[in-house]
PDB file of all heavy atoms in Angstrom:
ATOM      1  N   PRO A   1      40.737  95.071  49.623  1.00  0.00           N
ATOM      2  CA  PRO A   1      41.156  96.155  48.737  1.00  0.00           C
ATOM      3  C   PRO A   1      40.099  97.238  48.531  1.00  0.00           C
ATOM      4  O   PRO A   1      40.440  98.357  48.143  1.00  0.00           O
ATOM      5  CB  PRO A   1      41.477  95.430  47.414  1.00  0.00           C
ATOM      6  CG  PRO A   1      40.715  94.143  47.497  1.00  0.00           C
ATOM      7  CD  PRO A   1      40.706  93.765  48.942  1.00  0.00           C
ATOM      8  N   ASN A   2      38.839  96.931  48.797  1.00  0.00           N
ATOM      9  CA  ASN A   2      37.764  97.917  48.619  1.00  0.00           C
ATOM     10  C   ASN A   2      37.504  98.759  49.860  1.00  0.00           C
ATOM     11  O   ASN A   2      36.670  99.665  49.826  1.00  0.00           O
ATOM     12  CB  ASN A   2      36.468  97.215  48.201  1.00  0.00           C
ATOM     13  CG  ASN A   2      36.580  96.577  46.819  1.00  0.00           C
ATOM     14  OD1 ASN A   2      37.259  97.096  45.948  1.00  0.00           O
ATOM     15  ND2 ASN A   2      35.914  95.444  46.638  1.00  0.00           N
ATOM     16  N   LEU A   3      38.190  98.460  50.954  1.00  0.00           N
ATOM     17  CA  LEU A   3      38.014  99.236  52.170  1.00  0.00           C
ATOM     18  C   LEU A   3      38.736 100.575  52.045  1.00  0.00           C
ATOM     19  O   LEU A   3      39.928 100.631  51.726  1.00  0.00           O
ATOM     20  CB  LEU A   3      38.564  98.465  53.373  1.00  0.00           C
ATOM     21  CG  LEU A   3      38.564  99.211  54.720  1.00  0.00           C
ATOM     22  CD1 LEU A   3      37.143  99.563  55.141  1.00  0.00           C
ATOM     23  CD2 LEU A   3      39.231  98.355  55.796  1.00  0.00           C
ATOM     24  N   ASN A   4      38.032 101.670  52.260  1.00  0.00           N
ATOM     25  CA  ASN A   4      38.630 103.004  52.181  1.00  0.00           C
ATOM     26  C   ASN A   4      39.437 103.271  53.447  1.00  0.00           C
ATOM     27  O   ASN A   4      38.881 103.292  54.553  1.00  0.00           O
ATOM     28  CB  ASN A   4      37.527 104.065  52.046  1.00  0.00           C
ATOM     29  CG  ASN A   4      36.734 103.899  50.760  1.00  0.00           C
ATOM     30  OD1 ASN A   4      37.276 104.026  49.673  1.00  0.00           O
ATOM     31  ND2 ASN A   4      35.439 103.625  50.886  1.00  0.00           N
ATOM     32  N   ILE A   5      40.749 103.475  53.278  1.00  0.00           N
ATOM     33  CA  ILE A   5      41.633 103.713  54.426  1.00  0.00           C
ATOM     34  C   ILE A   5      42.233 105.109  54.338  1.00  0.00           C
ATOM     35  O   ILE A   5      42.854 105.481  53.330  1.00  0.00           O
ATOM     36  CB  ILE A   5      42.763 102.674  54.480  1.00  0.00           C
ATOM     37  CG1 ILE A   5      42.184 101.249  54.542  1.00  0.00           C
ATOM     38  CG2 ILE A   5      43.675 102.934  55.687  1.00  0.00           C
ATOM     39  CD1 ILE A   5      43.239 100.158  54.525  1.00  0.00           C
ATOM     40  N   VAL A   6      42.026 105.878  55.396  1.00  0.00           N
ATOM     41  CA  VAL A   6      42.635 107.212  55.509  1.00  0.00           C
ATOM     42  C   VAL A   6      43.744 107.148  56.550  1.00  0.00           C
ATOM     43  O   VAL A   6      43.501 106.767  57.702  1.00  0.00           O
ATOM     44  CB  VAL A   6      41.584 108.270  55.929  1.00  0.00           C
ATOM     45  CG1 VAL A   6      42.257 109.622  56.142  1.00  0.00           C
ATOM     46  CG2 VAL A   6      40.496 108.384  54.868  1.00  0.00           C
ATOM     47  N   LEU A   7      44.952 107.499  56.145  1.00  0.00           N
ATOM     48  CA  LEU A   7      46.093 107.466  57.050  1.00  0.00           C
ATOM     49  C   LEU A   7      46.117 108.715  57.932  1.00  0.00           C
ATOM     50  O   LEU A   7      45.735 109.790  57.485  1.00  0.00           O
ATOM     51  CB  LEU A   7      47.396 107.388  56.244  1.00  0.00           C
ATOM     52  CG  LEU A   7      47.499 106.254  55.215  1.00  0.00           C
ATOM     53  CD1 LEU A   7      48.801 106.364  54.448  1.00  0.00           C
ATOM     54  CD2 LEU A   7      47.375 104.896  55.886  1.00  0.00           C
ATOM     55  N   MET A   8      46.582 108.550  59.174  1.00  0.00           N
ATOM     56  CA  MET A   8      46.710 109.694  60.083  1.00  0.00           C
ATOM     57  C   MET A   8      48.128 109.724  60.654  1.00  0.00           C
ATOM     58  O   MET A   8      48.381 109.248  61.766  1.00  0.00           O
ATOM     59  CB  MET A   8      45.675 109.597  61.209  1.00  0.00           C
ATOM     60  CG  MET A   8      44.249 109.684  60.706  1.00  0.00           C
ATOM     61  SD  MET A   8      43.046 109.884  62.042  1.00  0.00           S
ATOM     62  CE  MET A   8      43.315 108.377  62.970  1.00  0.00           C
ATOM     63  N   PRO A   9      49.070 110.278  59.891  1.00  0.00           N
ATOM     64  CA  PRO A   9      50.466 110.368  60.354  1.00  0.00           C
ATOM     65  C   PRO A   9      50.720 111.693  61.072  1.00  0.00           C
ATOM     66  O   PRO A   9      49.917 112.632  60.979  1.00  0.00           O
ATOM     67  CB  PRO A   9      51.246 110.322  59.030  1.00  0.00           C
ATOM     68  CG  PRO A   9      50.344 111.052  58.070  1.00  0.00           C
ATOM     69  CD  PRO A   9      48.928 110.732  58.489  1.00  0.00           C
ATOM     70  N   ARG A  10      51.842 111.745  61.781  1.00  0.00           N
ATOM     71  CA  ARG A  10      52.280 113.003  62.390  1.00  0.00           C
ATOM     72  C   ARG A  10      52.799 113.936  61.304  1.00  0.00           C
ATOM     73  O   ARG A  10      53.236 113.498  60.232  1.00  0.00           O
ATOM     74  CB  ARG A  10      53.386 112.753  63.405  1.00  0.00           C
ATOM     75  CG  ARG A  10      52.938 112.002  64.644  1.00  0.00           C
ATOM     76  CD  ARG A  10      52.174 112.881  65.596  1.00  0.00           C
ATOM     77  NE  ARG A  10      51.826 112.169  66.818  1.00  0.00           N
ATOM     78  CZ  ARG A  10      51.086 112.704  67.798  1.00  0.00           C
ATOM     79  NH1 ARG A  10      50.641 113.925  67.668  1.00  0.00           N
ATOM     80  NH2 ARG A  10      50.807 111.997  68.867  1.00  0.00           N
ATOM     81  N   LEU A  11      52.755 115.218  61.593  1.00  0.00           N
ATOM     82  CA  LEU A  11      53.240 116.218  60.639  1.00  0.00           C
ATOM     83  C   LEU A  11      54.750 116.371  60.800  1.00  0.00           C
ATOM     84  O   LEU A  11      55.256 117.348  61.341  1.00  0.00           O
ATOM     85  CB  LEU A  11      52.528 117.557  60.872  1.00  0.00           C
ATOM     86  CG  LEU A  11      52.759 118.660  59.832  1.00  0.00           C
ATOM     87  CD1 LEU A  11      52.365 118.187  58.448  1.00  0.00           C
ATOM     88  CD2 LEU A  11      51.984 119.920  60.208  1.00  0.00           C
ATOM     89  N   ASN A  12      55.492 115.349  60.334  1.00  0.00           N
ATOM     90  CA  ASN A  12      56.950 115.354  60.387  1.00  0.00           C
ATOM     91  C   ASN A  12      57.505 114.503  59.251  1.00  0.00           C
ATOM     92  O   ASN A  12      56.745 114.004  58.413  1.00  0.00           O
ATOM     93  CB  ASN A  12      57.449 114.865  61.760  1.00  0.00           C
ATOM     94  CG  ASN A  12      56.892 113.486  62.128  1.00  0.00           C
ATOM     95  OD1 ASN A  12      56.593 112.675  61.251  1.00  0.00           O
ATOM     96  ND2 ASN A  12      56.761 113.235  63.418  1.00  0.00           N
ATOM     97  N   SER A  13      58.811 114.317  59.202  1.00  0.00           N
ATOM     98  CA  SER A  13      59.416 113.588  58.085  1.00  0.00           C
ATOM     99  C   SER A  13      58.995 112.119  58.053  1.00  0.00           C
ATOM    100  O   SER A  13      58.793 111.542  56.984  1.00  0.00           O
ATOM    101  CB  SER A  13      60.943 113.687  58.161  1.00  0.00           C
ATOM    102  OG  SER A  13      61.431 113.184  59.395  1.00  0.00           O
ATOM    103  N   LYS A  14      58.841 111.504  59.229  1.00  0.00           N
ATOM    104  CA  LYS A  14      58.387 110.114  59.261  1.00  0.00           C
ATOM    105  C   LYS A  14      56.964 109.993  58.733  1.00  0.00           C
ATOM    106  O   LYS A  14      56.610 109.061  58.034  1.00  0.00           O
ATOM    107  CB  LYS A  14      58.475 109.565  60.681  1.00  0.00           C
ATOM    108  CG  LYS A  14      59.887 109.350  61.187  1.00  0.00           C
ATOM    109  CD  LYS A  14      59.889 108.756  62.583  1.00  0.00           C
ATOM    110  CE  LYS A  14      61.312 108.503  63.083  1.00  0.00           C
ATOM    111  NZ  LYS A  14      61.322 107.924  64.452  1.00  0.00           N
ATOM    112  N   GLY A  15      56.140 110.977  59.096  1.00  0.00           N
ATOM    113  CA  GLY A  15      54.765 110.989  58.614  1.00  0.00           C
ATOM    114  C   GLY A  15      54.695 111.164  57.105  1.00  0.00           C
ATOM    115  O   GLY A  15      53.843 110.556  56.430  1.00  0.00           O
ATOM    116  N   ALA A  16      55.595 112.001  56.552  1.00  0.00           N
ATOM    117  CA  ALA A  16      55.635 112.207  55.108  1.00  0.00           C
ATOM    118  C   ALA A  16      55.956 110.911  54.380  1.00  0.00           C
ATOM    119  O   ALA A  16      55.368 110.601  53.329  1.00  0.00           O
ATOM    120  CB  ALA A  16      56.664 113.278  54.762  1.00  0.00           C
ATOM    121  N   ALA A  17      56.883 110.127  54.950  1.00  0.00           N
ATOM    122  CA  ALA A  17      57.236 108.835  54.339  1.00  0.00           C
ATOM    123  C   ALA A  17      56.046 107.881  54.357  1.00  0.00           C
ATOM    124  O   ALA A  17      55.810 107.139  53.405  1.00  0.00           O
ATOM    125  CB  ALA A  17      58.427 108.225  55.080  1.00  0.00           C
ATOM    126  N   VAL A  18      55.284 107.910  55.446  1.00  0.00           N
ATOM    127  CA  VAL A  18      54.084 107.073  55.562  1.00  0.00           C
ATOM    128  C   VAL A  18      53.067 107.454  54.486  1.00  0.00           C
ATOM    129  O   VAL A  18      52.482 106.581  53.840  1.00  0.00           O
ATOM    130  CB  VAL A  18      53.457 107.231  56.972  1.00  0.00           C
ATOM    131  CG1 VAL A  18      52.050 106.606  56.991  1.00  0.00           C
ATOM    132  CG2 VAL A  18      54.337 106.576  58.023  1.00  0.00           C
ATOM    133  N   VAL A  19      52.873 108.750  54.297  1.00  0.00           N
ATOM    134  CA  VAL A  19      51.905 109.223  53.311  1.00  0.00           C
ATOM    135  C   VAL A  19      52.275 108.777  51.904  1.00  0.00           C
ATOM    136  O   VAL A  19      51.448 108.245  51.156  1.00  0.00           O
ATOM    137  CB  VAL A  19      51.773 110.758  53.357  1.00  0.00           C
ATOM    138  CG1 VAL A  19      50.999 111.281  52.152  1.00  0.00           C
ATOM    139  CG2 VAL A  19      51.077 111.184  54.641  1.00  0.00           C
ATOM    140  N   LEU A  20      53.523 109.002  51.505  1.00  0.00           N
ATOM    141  CA  LEU A  20      53.958 108.643  50.151  1.00  0.00           C
ATOM    142  C   LEU A  20      53.816 107.147  49.891  1.00  0.00           C
ATOM    143  O   LEU A  20      53.330 106.728  48.833  1.00  0.00           O
ATOM    144  CB  LEU A  20      55.416 109.085  49.933  1.00  0.00           C
ATOM    145  CG  LEU A  20      55.639 110.598  49.853  1.00  0.00           C
ATOM    146  CD1 LEU A  20      57.134 110.906  49.771  1.00  0.00           C
ATOM    147  CD2 LEU A  20      54.921 111.188  48.645  1.00  0.00           C
ATOM    148  N   GLN A  21      54.248 106.344  50.857  1.00  0.00           N
ATOM    149  CA  GLN A  21      54.139 104.901  50.695  1.00  0.00           C
ATOM    150  C   GLN A  21      52.671 104.457  50.712  1.00  0.00           C
ATOM    151  O   GLN A  21      52.259 103.594  49.929  1.00  0.00           O
ATOM    152  CB  GLN A  21      54.916 104.200  51.813  1.00  0.00           C
ATOM    153  CG  GLN A  21      54.832 102.680  51.786  1.00  0.00           C
ATOM    154  CD  GLN A  21      55.601 102.055  50.632  1.00  0.00           C
ATOM    155  OE1 GLN A  21      56.086 102.731  49.747  1.00  0.00           O
ATOM    156  NE2 GLN A  21      55.685 100.733  50.636  1.00  0.00           N
ATOM    157  N   GLY A  22      51.884 105.054  51.602  1.00  0.00           N
ATOM    158  CA  GLY A  22      50.497 104.676  51.726  1.00  0.00           C
ATOM    159  C   GLY A  22      49.678 104.999  50.490  1.00  0.00           C
ATOM    160  O   GLY A  22      48.887 104.173  50.022  1.00  0.00           O
ATOM    161  N   LEU A  23      49.858 106.195  49.941  1.00  0.00           N
ATOM    162  CA  LEU A  23      49.127 106.573  48.734  1.00  0.00           C
ATOM    163  C   LEU A  23      49.524 105.673  47.560  1.00  0.00           C
ATOM    164  O   LEU A  23      48.689 105.301  46.740  1.00  0.00           O
ATOM    165  CB  LEU A  23      49.383 108.040  48.386  1.00  0.00           C
ATOM    166  CG  LEU A  23      48.751 109.076  49.317  1.00  0.00           C
ATOM    167  CD1 LEU A  23      49.184 110.472  48.912  1.00  0.00           C
ATOM    168  CD2 LEU A  23      47.229 108.967  49.316  1.00  0.00           C
ATOM    169  N   ASN A  24      50.802 105.364  47.502  1.00  0.00           N
ATOM    170  CA  ASN A  24      51.288 104.474  46.442  1.00  0.00           C
ATOM    171  C   ASN A  24      50.648 103.075  46.545  1.00  0.00           C
ATOM    172  O   ASN A  24      50.412 102.419  45.529  1.00  0.00           O
ATOM    173  CB  ASN A  24      52.817 104.351  46.510  1.00  0.00           C
ATOM    174  CG  ASN A  24      53.393 103.583  45.343  1.00  0.00           C
ATOM    175  OD1 ASN A  24      52.780 103.474  44.286  1.00  0.00           O
ATOM    176  ND2 ASN A  24      54.575 103.030  45.514  1.00  0.00           N
TER     177      ASN A  24
END
């Protein structure tokens, strides 16, 4: 849980879903 993870999704609708879920 202490590992800093930065997501790298594509700039599209699937990527947006990844970002919202990932940040949450």
